[in-house]
Amino acid sequence: MADGKVPSSEAVLVVNNLCVDFSGLDGPLHAVRGVDFTLSRGECLGIVGESGSGKSVTVSAVLGLLGKGATVSGTILLDGEDLLAASFEDLRALRGKKISMIFQEPSRSFDPIYSIGKTFEETFRAKSPELPEAEIRRRSIKLLTEVHIPRAEERLRNFPHQFSGGMLQRIMIALALANDPEVLIADEPTTALDVTIQAQIVSLLKELQQRRRLSLIFISHNLGLVGQIADRILVMYGGLVLESGASSKVLGEPRSPYSRALLSALPGWGTHYSSSGLYTIPGNVPDPTRPEPGCPFAPRCRYVRPVCREAIPGMTAEDTVFRCVLPGVKV
């Protein structure tokens, strides 16, 4: 479709007008301000933006992980079930079985006194307490093998500190898949990994997505990295979606100045800092306790006009969906 969306009949996850506020000493913090997206079966949706853009808060709201300090409104439908209306027990039942998440920095997600085998046992028993020990072991070995951990049976006896960061991320992916979810959310799964391991993790996720027919949400700061795996890309800034569309369009013909700025900040292949400087976006992300009255990117945009500061631009649907009053400006 022209706007990069899929019909709701094909969608496993539908998010409409999602807003998330946190209570604070200086007033409410407006972390997410009306986000819309859909995720179809077997599709990978990439969500990109700088830290503080609202990416992780958006997916945490989907999973019901924000706690009592957050006020969440809008609509979140998972296979037609309204997650915002679901009870705490219903949400717990859905996590892992229907929808699962890979968190940032896997080294902080493991209990250092639990072996990998014990961690798998806890994961399986949380959803299927009746499973015998032998079956848990068989499934654990199968999952470790699927994510390419060598000597899987032997490594079940090891503890987290005996694995590299890349290996721990593979184990985290295996744990997220333990109960066969339909939707997998990867929240910056390549954080703190070198570029070679990043490429391996992306390749693994693509392989698992195709084999298991997973619907995948991949979150990252890096537009180039997301472009390697995502069918569609959502560009977020200041708690808003500034552009959404097919990866080829967002990367090849970005309409939002923010998308263009992110792409300009990527180092060119074969370049060196001594011969060509790296472009950086001036300024900082907006303060969510005092959001801009107009376009959130206006204070940092090289094309800013007075009209940009008056009101948040509406969404324009062409080859992509974008939020800008000056879409014709070229870099």
C-alpha atoms as a PDB file:
ATOM      1  CA  MET A   1       0.000   0.000   0.000  1.00  0.00           C
ATOM      2  CA  ALA A   2       1.097   3.608  -0.598  1.00  0.00           C
ATOM      3  CA  ASP A   3       1.247   4.537   3.071  1.00  0.00           C
ATOM      4  CA  GLY A   4       3.348   1.548   4.074  1.00  0.00           C
ATOM      5  CA  LYS A   5       0.549   0.020   6.170  1.00  0.00           C
ATOM      6  CA  VAL A   6      -1.179  -3.329   5.780  1.00  0.00           C
ATOM      7  CA  PRO A   7      -4.903  -3.999   6.018  1.00  0.00           C
ATOM      8  CA  SER A   8      -5.995  -4.805   9.568  1.00  0.00           C
ATOM      9  CA  SER A   9      -7.300  -8.170   8.358  1.00  0.00           C
ATOM     10  CA  GLU A  10      -3.682  -9.154   7.679  1.00  0.00           C
ATOM     11  CA  ALA A  11      -2.305  -7.624  10.863  1.00  0.00           C
ATOM     12  CA  VAL A  12      -1.332  -9.596  13.950  1.00  0.00           C
ATOM     13  CA  LEU A  13      -0.628  -6.387  15.907  1.00  0.00           C
ATOM     14  CA  VAL A  14      -2.475  -3.067  15.510  1.00  0.00           C
ATOM     15  CA  VAL A  15      -1.523   0.049  17.492  1.00  0.00           C
ATOM     16  CA  ASN A  16      -3.696   3.156  17.157  1.00  0.00           C
ATOM     17  CA  ASN A  17      -3.172   6.575  18.774  1.00  0.00           C
ATOM     18  CA  LEU A  18      -0.892   5.165  21.483  1.00  0.00           C
ATOM     19  CA  CYS A  19      -0.012   7.764  24.125  1.00  0.00           C
ATOM     20  CA  VAL A  20       2.195   7.193  27.174  1.00  0.00           C
ATOM     21  CA  ASP A  21       2.711   9.723  29.970  1.00  0.00           C
ATOM     22  CA  PHE A  22       4.800   9.342  33.116  1.00  0.00           C
ATOM     23  CA  SER A  23       4.176  11.297  36.289  1.00  0.00           C
ATOM     24  CA  GLY A  24       7.089  13.467  37.391  1.00  0.00           C
ATOM     25  CA  LEU A  25       8.031  16.177  39.859  1.00  0.00           C
ATOM     26  CA  ASP A  26       7.888  18.809  37.105  1.00  0.00           C
ATOM     27  CA  GLY A  27       4.621  17.559  35.641  1.00  0.00           C
ATOM     28  CA  PRO A  28       3.765  14.780  33.207  1.00  0.00           C
ATOM     29  CA  LEU A  29       6.440  13.429  30.896  1.00  0.00           C
ATOM     30  CA  HIS A  30       4.971  12.885  27.422  1.00  0.00           C
ATOM     31  CA  ALA A  31       7.007   9.931  26.170  1.00  0.00           C
ATOM     32  CA  VAL A  32       4.727   8.751  23.330  1.00  0.00           C
ATOM     33  CA  ARG A  33       2.234  11.089  21.655  1.00  0.00           C
ATOM     34  CA  GLY A  34      -0.139   9.304  19.319  1.00  0.00           C
ATOM     35  CA  VAL A  35       1.748   6.469  17.601  1.00  0.00           C
ATOM     36  CA  ASP A  36       0.033   4.341  14.949  1.00  0.00           C
ATOM     37  CA  PHE A  37       1.385   1.222  13.252  1.00  0.00           C
ATOM     38  CA  THR A  38       0.437  -2.268  12.157  1.00  0.00           C
ATOM     39  CA  LEU A  39       2.461  -5.471  11.986  1.00  0.00           C
ATOM     40  CA  SER A  40       1.371  -8.195   9.588  1.00  0.00           C
ATOM     41  CA  ARG A  41       2.080 -11.900   9.872  1.00  0.00           C
ATOM     42  CA  GLY A  42       5.590 -12.813   8.812  1.00  0.00           C
ATOM     43  CA  GLU A  43       6.621  -9.175   8.467  1.00  0.00           C
ATOM     44  CA  CYS A  44       9.562  -7.310  10.015  1.00  0.00           C
ATOM     45  CA  LEU A  45       8.885  -3.727  11.105  1.00  0.00           C
ATOM     46  CA  GLY A  46      11.927  -1.624  11.944  1.00  0.00           C
ATOM     47  CA  ILE A  47      11.599   1.235  14.448  1.00  0.00           C
ATOM     48  CA  VAL A  48      14.439   3.773  14.436  1.00  0.00           C
ATOM     49  CA  GLY A  49      15.279   7.036  16.166  1.00  0.00           C
ATOM     50  CA  GLU A  50      17.686   8.516  18.688  1.00  0.00           C
ATOM     51  CA  SER A  51      17.589   7.688  22.380  1.00  0.00           C
ATOM     52  CA  GLY A  52      14.583   9.417  23.917  1.00  0.00           C
ATOM     53  CA  SER A  53      12.453   9.163  20.764  1.00  0.00           C
ATOM     54  CA  GLY A  54       9.955   6.802  22.417  1.00  0.00           C
ATOM     55  CA  LYS A  55      10.869   3.522  20.686  1.00  0.00           C
ATOM     56  CA  SER A  56      11.351   1.301  23.741  1.00  0.00           C
ATOM     57  CA  VAL A  57       8.480   2.916  25.643  1.00  0.00           C
ATOM     58  CA  THR A  58       6.171   2.139  22.713  1.00  0.00           C
ATOM     59  CA  VAL A  59       6.941  -1.585  22.669  1.00  0.00           C
ATOM     60  CA  SER A  60       7.020  -1.794  26.468  1.00  0.00           C
ATOM     61  CA  ALA A  61       3.476  -0.398  26.463  1.00  0.00           C
ATOM     62  CA  VAL A  62       2.462  -3.137  24.025  1.00  0.00           C
ATOM     63  CA  LEU A  63       3.744  -5.749  26.468  1.00  0.00           C
ATOM     64  CA  GLY A  64       2.275  -4.032  29.529  1.00  0.00           C
ATOM     65  CA  LEU A  65       5.685  -3.569  31.151  1.00  0.00           C
ATOM     66  CA  LEU A  66       5.535   0.124  32.124  1.00  0.00           C
ATOM     67  CA  GLY A  67       4.211  -0.206  35.661  1.00  0.00           C
ATOM     68  CA  LYS A  68       1.953   2.008  37.750  1.00  0.00           C
ATOM     69  CA  GLY A  69       3.817   5.248  37.062  1.00  0.00           C
ATOM     70  CA  ALA A  70       2.712   5.249  33.425  1.00  0.00           C
ATOM     71  CA  THR A  71      -0.599   6.324  31.948  1.00  0.00           C
ATOM     72  CA  VAL A  72      -1.275   4.502  28.681  1.00  0.00           C
ATOM     73  CA  SER A  73      -4.140   5.290  26.301  1.00  0.00           C
ATOM     74  CA  GLY A  74      -5.101   4.347  22.768  1.00  0.00           C
ATOM     75  CA  THR A  75      -5.692   0.925  21.254  1.00  0.00           C
ATOM     76  CA  ILE A  76      -3.390  -2.107  21.161  1.00  0.00           C
ATOM     77  CA  LEU A  77      -4.858  -5.172  19.455  1.00  0.00           C
ATOM     78  CA  LEU A  78      -2.983  -8.469  19.385  1.00  0.00           C
ATOM     79  CA  ASP A  79      -4.842 -10.914  17.141  1.00  0.00           C
ATOM     80  CA  GLY A  80      -7.965  -8.852  17.836  1.00  0.00           C
ATOM     81  CA  GLU A  81      -7.552  -8.909  21.635  1.00  0.00           C
ATOM     82  CA  ASP A  82      -7.406  -5.494  23.309  1.00  0.00           C
ATOM     83  CA  LEU A  83      -4.270  -5.574  25.458  1.00  0.00           C
ATOM     84  CA  LEU A  84      -5.060  -2.326  27.284  1.00  0.00           C
ATOM     85  CA  ALA A  85      -8.306  -3.869  28.501  1.00  0.00           C
ATOM     86  CA  ALA A  86      -6.679  -7.176  29.468  1.00  0.00           C
ATOM     87  CA  SER A  87      -6.118  -8.105  33.106  1.00  0.00           C
ATOM     88  CA  PHE A  88      -2.647  -8.522  34.571  1.00  0.00           C
ATOM     89  CA  GLU A  89      -3.104 -12.306  34.548  1.00  0.00           C
ATOM     90  CA  ASP A  90      -4.167 -12.293  30.905  1.00  0.00           C
ATOM     91  CA  LEU A  91      -1.117 -10.235  29.946  1.00  0.00           C
ATOM     92  CA  ARG A  92       1.194 -12.623  31.797  1.00  0.00           C
ATOM     93  CA  ALA A  93      -0.362 -15.524  29.918  1.00  0.00           C
ATOM     94  CA  LEU A  94       0.193 -13.795  26.570  1.00  0.00           C
ATOM     95  CA  ARG A  95       3.833 -12.879  27.194  1.00  0.00           C
ATOM     96  CA  GLY A  96       6.095 -15.604  25.926  1.00  0.00           C
ATOM     97  CA  LYS A  97       3.330 -17.642  24.325  1.00  0.00           C
ATOM     98  CA  LYS A  98       1.863 -15.009  22.009  1.00  0.00           C
ATOM     99  CA  ILE A  99       4.392 -12.193  22.111  1.00  0.00           C
ATOM    100  CA  SER A 100       7.943 -12.123  23.408  1.00  0.00           C
ATOM    101  CA  MET A 101      10.803  -9.659  23.735  1.00  0.00           C
ATOM    102  CA  ILE A 102      14.594  -9.636  23.447  1.00  0.00           C
ATOM    103  CA  PHE A 103      15.991  -6.947  25.732  1.00  0.00           C
ATOM    104  CA  GLN A 104      19.067  -4.735  25.379  1.00  0.00           C
ATOM    105  CA  GLU A 105      22.408  -5.779  26.869  1.00  0.00           C
ATOM    106  CA  PRO A 106      21.842  -9.482  27.546  1.00  0.00           C
ATOM    107  CA  SER A 107      24.584  -9.602  30.182  1.00  0.00           C
ATOM    108  CA  ARG A 108      22.222  -7.680  32.498  1.00  0.00           C
ATOM    109  CA  SER A 109      19.255  -9.958  31.799  1.00  0.00           C
ATOM    110  CA  PHE A 110      20.679 -13.169  33.251  1.00  0.00           C
ATOM    111  CA  ASP A 111      20.906 -14.152  36.914  1.00  0.00           C
ATOM    112  CA  PRO A 112      24.653 -14.761  37.474  1.00  0.00           C
ATOM    113  CA  ILE A 113      24.001 -17.597  39.964  1.00  0.00           C
ATOM    114  CA  TYR A 114      21.774 -19.554  37.551  1.00  0.00           C
ATOM    115  CA  SER A 115      23.240 -21.848  34.928  1.00  0.00           C
ATOM    116  CA  ILE A 116      21.860 -21.535  31.399  1.00  0.00           C
ATOM    117  CA  GLY A 117      20.033 -24.834  31.876  1.00  0.00           C
ATOM    118  CA  LYS A 118      18.366 -23.541  35.051  1.00  0.00           C
ATOM    119  CA  THR A 119      17.327 -20.351  33.224  1.00  0.00           C
ATOM    120  CA  PHE A 120      15.690 -22.405  30.473  1.00  0.00           C
ATOM    121  CA  GLU A 121      13.956 -24.558  33.086  1.00  0.00           C
ATOM    122  CA  GLU A 122      12.434 -21.471  34.756  1.00  0.00           C
ATOM    123  CA  THR A 123      11.300 -20.134  31.380  1.00  0.00           C
ATOM    124  CA  PHE A 124       9.553 -23.355  30.384  1.00  0.00           C
ATOM    125  CA  ARG A 125       7.956 -23.993  33.776  1.00  0.00           C
ATOM    126  CA  ALA A 126       6.505 -20.459  33.905  1.00  0.00           C
ATOM    127  CA  LYS A 127       4.134 -21.447  31.080  1.00  0.00           C
ATOM    128  CA  SER A 128       4.098 -25.267  31.295  1.00  0.00           C
ATOM    129  CA  PRO A 129       4.735 -26.379  34.901  1.00  0.00           C
ATOM    130  CA  GLU A 130       3.818 -29.971  34.051  1.00  0.00           C
ATOM    131  CA  LEU A 131       6.754 -30.466  31.631  1.00  0.00           C
ATOM    132  CA  PRO A 132       9.113 -33.271  32.749  1.00  0.00           C
ATOM    133  CA  GLU A 133      12.776 -32.457  33.237  1.00  0.00           C
ATOM    134  CA  ALA A 134      13.890 -34.613  30.306  1.00  0.00           C
ATOM    135  CA  GLU A 135      11.572 -32.763  27.920  1.00  0.00           C
ATOM    136  CA  ILE A 136      12.789 -29.381  29.173  1.00  0.00           C
ATOM    137  CA  ARG A 137      16.361 -30.474  28.546  1.00  0.00           C
ATOM    138  CA  ARG A 138      15.517 -31.748  25.056  1.00  0.00           C
ATOM    139  CA  ARG A 139      13.783 -28.497  24.110  1.00  0.00           C
ATOM    140  CA  SER A 140      16.584 -26.382  25.588  1.00  0.00           C
ATOM    141  CA  ILE A 141      19.222 -28.211  23.545  1.00  0.00           C
ATOM    142  CA  LYS A 142      17.099 -27.862  20.407  1.00  0.00           C
ATOM    143  CA  LEU A 143      16.708 -24.103  20.924  1.00  0.00           C
ATOM    144  CA  LEU A 144      20.429 -23.552  21.588  1.00  0.00           C
ATOM    145  CA  THR A 145      21.233 -25.523  18.454  1.00  0.00           C
ATOM    146  CA  GLU A 146      18.739 -23.439  16.477  1.00  0.00           C
ATOM    147  CA  VAL A 147      20.548 -20.226  17.416  1.00  0.00           C
ATOM    148  CA  HIS A 148      23.909 -21.830  16.529  1.00  0.00           C
ATOM    149  CA  ILE A 149      25.394 -22.370  20.001  1.00  0.00           C
ATOM    150  CA  PRO A 150      28.033 -25.115  19.586  1.00  0.00           C
ATOM    151  CA  ARG A 151      28.073 -28.083  22.000  1.00  0.00           C
ATOM    152  CA  ALA A 152      24.580 -27.112  23.172  1.00  0.00           C
ATOM    153  CA  GLU A 153      24.128 -29.947  25.671  1.00  0.00           C
ATOM    154  CA  GLU A 154      27.433 -29.185  27.352  1.00  0.00           C
ATOM    155  CA  ARG A 155      26.798 -25.410  27.463  1.00  0.00           C
ATOM    156  CA  LEU A 156      23.600 -25.866  29.501  1.00  0.00           C
ATOM    157  CA  ARG A 157      25.868 -26.415  32.523  1.00  0.00           C
ATOM    158  CA  ASN A 158      27.669 -23.107  32.008  1.00  0.00           C
ATOM    159  CA  PHE A 159      26.926 -19.774  33.693  1.00  0.00           C
ATOM    160  CA  PRO A 160      26.407 -16.375  32.006  1.00  0.00           C
ATOM    161  CA  HIS A 161      29.945 -15.127  32.718  1.00  0.00           C
ATOM    162  CA  GLN A 162      31.317 -18.008  30.646  1.00  0.00           C
ATOM    163  CA  PHE A 163      29.802 -16.630  27.421  1.00  0.00           C
ATOM    164  CA  SER A 164      30.677 -13.684  25.207  1.00  0.00           C
ATOM    165  CA  GLY A 165      28.167 -10.881  24.636  1.00  0.00           C
ATOM    166  CA  GLY A 166      27.254 -12.252  21.227  1.00  0.00           C
ATOM    167  CA  MET A 167      26.684 -15.756  22.609  1.00  0.00           C
ATOM    168  CA  LEU A 168      24.514 -14.389  25.431  1.00  0.00           C
ATOM    169  CA  GLN A 169      22.407 -12.522  22.892  1.00  0.00           C
ATOM    170  CA  ARG A 170      21.885 -15.775  20.965  1.00  0.00           C
ATOM    171  CA  ILE A 171      20.802 -17.473  24.194  1.00  0.00           C
ATOM    172  CA  MET A 172      18.460 -14.570  24.941  1.00  0.00           C
ATOM    173  CA  ILE A 173      16.880 -15.049  21.508  1.00  0.00           C
ATOM    174  CA  ALA A 174      16.470 -18.768  22.225  1.00  0.00           C
ATOM    175  CA  LEU A 175      14.763 -17.998  25.561  1.00  0.00           C
ATOM    176  CA  ALA A 176      12.417 -15.543  23.852  1.00  0.00           C
ATOM    177  CA  LEU A 177      11.401 -18.304  21.419  1.00  0.00           C
ATOM    178  CA  ALA A 178      10.995 -20.979  24.095  1.00  0.00           C
ATOM    179  CA  ASN A 179       7.190 -20.873  24.099  1.00  0.00           C
ATOM    180  CA  ASP A 180       6.735 -20.385  20.328  1.00  0.00           C
ATOM    181  CA  PRO A 181       5.470 -16.772  20.197  1.00  0.00           C
ATOM    182  CA  GLU A 182       3.905 -15.323  17.057  1.00  0.00           C
ATOM    183  CA  VAL A 183       5.364 -11.843  17.611  1.00  0.00           C
ATOM    184  CA  LEU A 184       8.974 -11.190  18.597  1.00  0.00           C
ATOM    185  CA  ILE A 185      10.192  -7.732  19.653  1.00  0.00           C
ATOM    186  CA  ALA A 186      13.955  -7.165  19.447  1.00  0.00           C
ATOM    187  CA  ASP A 187      14.762  -4.005  21.436  1.00  0.00           C
ATOM    188  CA  GLU A 188      18.188  -2.912  20.184  1.00  0.00           C
ATOM    189  CA  PRO A 189      19.538  -6.479  20.216  1.00  0.00           C
ATOM    190  CA  THR A 190      22.929  -5.409  18.831  1.00  0.00           C
ATOM    191  CA  THR A 191      23.760  -2.873  21.575  1.00  0.00           C
ATOM    192  CA  ALA A 192      27.401  -3.142  22.755  1.00  0.00           C
ATOM    193  CA  LEU A 193      28.267  -5.709  20.055  1.00  0.00           C
ATOM    194  CA  ASP A 194      30.943  -5.132  17.428  1.00  0.00           C
ATOM    195  CA  VAL A 195      29.916  -4.781  13.791  1.00  0.00           C
ATOM    196  CA  THR A 196      30.763  -8.386  12.882  1.00  0.00           C
ATOM    197  CA  ILE A 197      28.602  -9.809  15.675  1.00  0.00           C
ATOM    198  CA  GLN A 198      25.867  -7.294  14.870  1.00  0.00           C
ATOM    199  CA  ALA A 199      25.707  -8.673  11.327  1.00  0.00           C
ATOM    200  CA  GLN A 200      25.544 -12.234  12.678  1.00  0.00           C
ATOM    201  CA  ILE A 201      22.663 -11.402  15.043  1.00  0.00           C
ATOM    202  CA  VAL A 202      20.708  -9.690  12.248  1.00  0.00           C
ATOM    203  CA  SER A 203      21.324 -12.679   9.977  1.00  0.00           C
ATOM    204  CA  LEU A 204      20.147 -15.056  12.712  1.00  0.00           C
ATOM    205  CA  LEU A 205      16.947 -13.068  13.310  1.00  0.00           C
ATOM    206  CA  LYS A 206      16.194 -13.065   9.557  1.00  0.00           C
ATOM    207  CA  GLU A 207      16.746 -16.821   9.461  1.00  0.00           C
ATOM    208  CA  LEU A 208      14.480 -17.452  12.465  1.00  0.00           C
ATOM    209  CA  GLN A 209      11.811 -15.102  11.157  1.00  0.00           C
ATOM    210  CA  GLN A 210      11.592 -16.955   7.852  1.00  0.00           C
ATOM    211  CA  ARG A 211      11.744 -20.433   9.360  1.00  0.00           C
ATOM    212  CA  ARG A 212       9.214 -19.787  12.125  1.00  0.00           C
ATOM    213  CA  ARG A 213       7.065 -17.327  10.149  1.00  0.00           C
ATOM    214  CA  LEU A 214       7.561 -14.794  12.948  1.00  0.00           C
ATOM    215  CA  SER A 215       6.223 -11.265  12.983  1.00  0.00           C
ATOM    216  CA  LEU A 216       9.212  -9.205  14.100  1.00  0.00           C
ATOM    217  CA  ILE A 217       9.704  -5.686  15.450  1.00  0.00           C
ATOM    218  CA  PHE A 218      13.368  -4.638  15.276  1.00  0.00           C
ATOM    219  CA  ILE A 219      14.386  -1.484  17.186  1.00  0.00           C
ATOM    220  CA  SER A 220      17.669   0.317  16.584  1.00  0.00           C
ATOM    221  CA  HIS A 221      19.405   3.699  16.351  1.00  0.00           C
ATOM    222  CA  ASN A 222      21.007   2.582  13.091  1.00  0.00           C
ATOM    223  CA  LEU A 223      18.932   3.089   9.943  1.00  0.00           C
ATOM    224  CA  GLY A 224      21.457   1.155   7.863  1.00  0.00           C
ATOM    225  CA  LEU A 225      21.279  -1.864  10.162  1.00  0.00           C
ATOM    226  CA  VAL A 226      17.476  -1.830  10.206  1.00  0.00           C
ATOM    227  CA  GLY A 227      17.481  -1.660   6.422  1.00  0.00           C
ATOM    228  CA  GLN A 228      19.151  -5.088   6.299  1.00  0.00           C
ATOM    229  CA  ILE A 229      16.207  -6.841   7.946  1.00  0.00           C
ATOM    230  CA  ALA A 230      13.052  -4.691   7.938  1.00  0.00           C
ATOM    231  CA  ASP A 231      10.284  -4.796   5.323  1.00  0.00           C
ATOM    232  CA  ARG A 232       8.939  -1.463   6.594  1.00  0.00           C
ATOM    233  CA  ILE A 233      10.497   1.276   8.712  1.00  0.00           C
ATOM    234  CA  LEU A 234       8.947   3.568  11.313  1.00  0.00           C
ATOM    235  CA  VAL A 235      11.022   6.672  12.108  1.00  0.00           C
ATOM    236  CA  MET A 236      10.259   8.098  15.569  1.00  0.00           C
ATOM    237  CA  TYR A 237      11.260  11.364  17.182  1.00  0.00           C
ATOM    238  CA  GLY A 238       9.893  13.243  20.178  1.00  0.00           C
ATOM    239  CA  GLY A 239       7.318  10.522  20.839  1.00  0.00           C
ATOM    240  CA  LEU A 240       5.864  10.880  17.328  1.00  0.00           C
ATOM    241  CA  VAL A 241       6.134   8.969  14.060  1.00  0.00           C
ATOM    242  CA  LEU A 242       7.813  11.312  11.560  1.00  0.00           C
ATOM    243  CA  GLU A 243       7.949   8.859   8.661  1.00  0.00           C
ATOM    244  CA  SER A 244       6.686   5.385   7.853  1.00  0.00           C
ATOM    245  CA  GLY A 245       6.928   3.270   4.725  1.00  0.00           C
ATOM    246  CA  ALA A 246       8.652   0.482   2.847  1.00  0.00           C
ATOM    247  CA  SER A 247      12.350   0.190   3.729  1.00  0.00           C
ATOM    248  CA  SER A 248      13.432   0.864   0.151  1.00  0.00           C
ATOM    249  CA  LYS A 249      11.487   4.132   0.108  1.00  0.00           C
ATOM    250  CA  VAL A 250      12.484   5.404   3.553  1.00  0.00           C
ATOM    251  CA  LEU A 251      16.156   4.626   2.912  1.00  0.00           C
ATOM    252  CA  GLY A 252      16.243   5.540  -0.768  1.00  0.00           C
ATOM    253  CA  GLU A 253      13.893   8.536  -0.910  1.00  0.00           C
ATOM    254  CA  PRO A 254      13.315   9.835   2.647  1.00  0.00           C
ATOM    255  CA  ARG A 255      10.680  12.565   2.873  1.00  0.00           C
ATOM    256  CA  SER A 256      11.155  13.676   6.487  1.00  0.00           C
ATOM    257  CA  PRO A 257      14.168  15.943   7.193  1.00  0.00           C
ATOM    258  CA  TYR A 258      14.797  13.869  10.314  1.00  0.00           C
ATOM    259  CA  SER A 259      15.071  10.654   8.285  1.00  0.00           C
ATOM    260  CA  ARG A 260      17.494  12.429   5.957  1.00  0.00           C
ATOM    261  CA  ALA A 261      19.534  13.677   8.912  1.00  0.00           C
ATOM    262  CA  LEU A 262      19.817  10.150  10.338  1.00  0.00           C
ATOM    263  CA  LEU A 263      20.981   8.826   6.974  1.00  0.00           C
ATOM    264  CA  SER A 264      23.485  11.679   6.597  1.00  0.00           C
ATOM    265  CA  ALA A 265      24.968  10.756   9.986  1.00  0.00           C
ATOM    266  CA  LEU A 266      25.876   7.261   8.755  1.00  0.00           C
ATOM    267  CA  PRO A 267      29.592   6.967   7.860  1.00  0.00           C
ATOM    268  CA  GLY A 268      30.161   6.353   4.148  1.00  0.00           C
ATOM    269  CA  TRP A 269      31.777   3.109   3.035  1.00  0.00           C
ATOM    270  CA  GLY A 270      35.542   3.531   2.757  1.00  0.00           C
ATOM    271  CA  THR A 271      35.622   6.989   4.337  1.00  0.00           C
ATOM    272  CA  HIS A 272      38.086   8.016   7.054  1.00  0.00           C
ATOM    273  CA  TYR A 273      37.720  10.717   9.684  1.00  0.00           C
ATOM    274  CA  SER A 274      41.037  12.286   8.585  1.00  0.00           C
ATOM    275  CA  SER A 275      39.749  13.001   5.068  1.00  0.00           C
ATOM    276  CA  SER A 276      36.025  13.594   5.586  1.00  0.00           C
ATOM    277  CA  GLY A 277      34.190  14.677   8.711  1.00  0.00           C
ATOM    278  CA  LEU A 278      31.202  12.771  10.051  1.00  0.00           C
ATOM    279  CA  TYR A 279      27.940  14.688   9.937  1.00  0.00           C
ATOM    280  CA  THR A 280      26.235  15.081  13.302  1.00  0.00           C
ATOM    281  CA  ILE A 281      22.729  16.331  13.989  1.00  0.00           C
ATOM    282  CA  PRO A 282      23.054  19.554  16.040  1.00  0.00           C
ATOM    283  CA  GLY A 283      21.304  19.987  19.361  1.00  0.00           C
ATOM    284  CA  ASN A 284      19.556  17.423  21.547  1.00  0.00           C
ATOM    285  CA  VAL A 285      16.309  15.471  21.580  1.00  0.00           C
ATOM    286  CA  PRO A 286      13.392  17.493  23.000  1.00  0.00           C
ATOM    287  CA  ASP A 287      12.534  17.536  26.683  1.00  0.00           C
ATOM    288  CA  PRO A 288       9.449  15.277  26.996  1.00  0.00           C
ATOM    289  CA  THR A 289       8.192  17.343  29.944  1.00  0.00           C
ATOM    290  CA  ARG A 290       8.078  20.426  27.697  1.00  0.00           C
ATOM    291  CA  PRO A 291       7.407  19.241  24.156  1.00  0.00           C
ATOM    292  CA  GLU A 292       7.716  21.686  21.282  1.00  0.00           C
ATOM    293  CA  PRO A 293       4.403  23.316  20.251  1.00  0.00           C
ATOM    294  CA  GLY A 294       5.189  22.555  16.608  1.00  0.00           C
ATOM    295  CA  CYS A 295       7.298  19.916  14.858  1.00  0.00           C
ATOM    296  CA  PRO A 296       9.511  18.271  17.508  1.00  0.00           C
ATOM    297  CA  PHE A 297      12.484  18.312  15.129  1.00  0.00           C
ATOM    298  CA  ALA A 298      12.144  22.038  14.306  1.00  0.00           C
ATOM    299  CA  PRO A 299      14.884  23.255  16.746  1.00  0.00           C
ATOM    300  CA  ARG A 300      17.451  20.979  15.049  1.00  0.00           C
ATOM    301  CA  CYS A 301      16.219  21.054  11.450  1.00  0.00           C
ATOM    302  CA  ARG A 302      18.331  22.818   8.816  1.00  0.00           C
ATOM    303  CA  TYR A 303      15.189  23.607   6.798  1.00  0.00           C
ATOM    304  CA  VAL A 304      13.091  25.052   9.625  1.00  0.00           C
ATOM    305  CA  ARG A 305      10.562  27.778   8.774  1.00  0.00           C
ATOM    306  CA  PRO A 306       8.303  29.818  11.106  1.00  0.00           C
ATOM    307  CA  VAL A 307       5.324  27.631  10.159  1.00  0.00           C
ATOM    308  CA  CYS A 308       7.166  24.580  11.538  1.00  0.00           C
ATOM    309  CA  ARG A 309       6.972  25.977  15.079  1.00  0.00           C
ATOM    310  CA  GLU A 310       3.262  26.760  15.024  1.00  0.00           C
ATOM    311  CA  ALA A 311       1.677  23.277  15.179  1.00  0.00           C
ATOM    312  CA  ILE A 312       2.587  19.620  14.821  1.00  0.00           C
ATOM    313  CA  PRO A 313       2.382  18.820  11.095  1.00  0.00           C
ATOM    314  CA  GLY A 314      -0.234  16.317  10.021  1.00  0.00           C
ATOM    315  CA  MET A 315       0.639  13.066   8.277  1.00  0.00           C
ATOM    316  CA  THR A 316       0.879  13.181   4.474  1.00  0.00           C
ATOM    317  CA  ALA A 317       0.447   9.914   2.559  1.00  0.00           C
ATOM    318  CA  GLU A 318       2.380   9.566  -0.686  1.00  0.00           C
ATOM    319  CA  ASP A 319       5.032   6.940  -1.422  1.00  0.00           C
ATOM    320  CA  THR A 320       5.631   6.977   2.355  1.00  0.00           C
ATOM    321  CA  VAL A 321       3.672   8.497   5.246  1.00  0.00           C
ATOM    322  CA  PHE A 322       5.541  11.507   6.588  1.00  0.00           C
ATOM    323  CA  ARG A 323       5.043  14.432   8.956  1.00  0.00           C
ATOM    324  CA  CYS A 324       6.511  17.622   7.433  1.00  0.00           C
ATOM    325  CA  VAL A 325       5.250  20.866   5.894  1.00  0.00           C
ATOM    326  CA  LEU A 326       8.318  21.071   3.601  1.00  0.00           C
ATOM    327  CA  PRO A 327       8.505  17.589   2.018  1.00  0.00           C
ATOM    328  CA  GLY A 328      10.015  18.848  -1.228  1.00  0.00           C
ATOM    329  CA  VAL A 329      13.286  20.059   0.359  1.00  0.00           C
ATOM    330  CA  LYS A 330      16.222  17.938  -0.754  1.00  0.00           C
ATOM    331  CA  VAL A 331      19.483  17.331   1.090  1.00  0.00           C
END
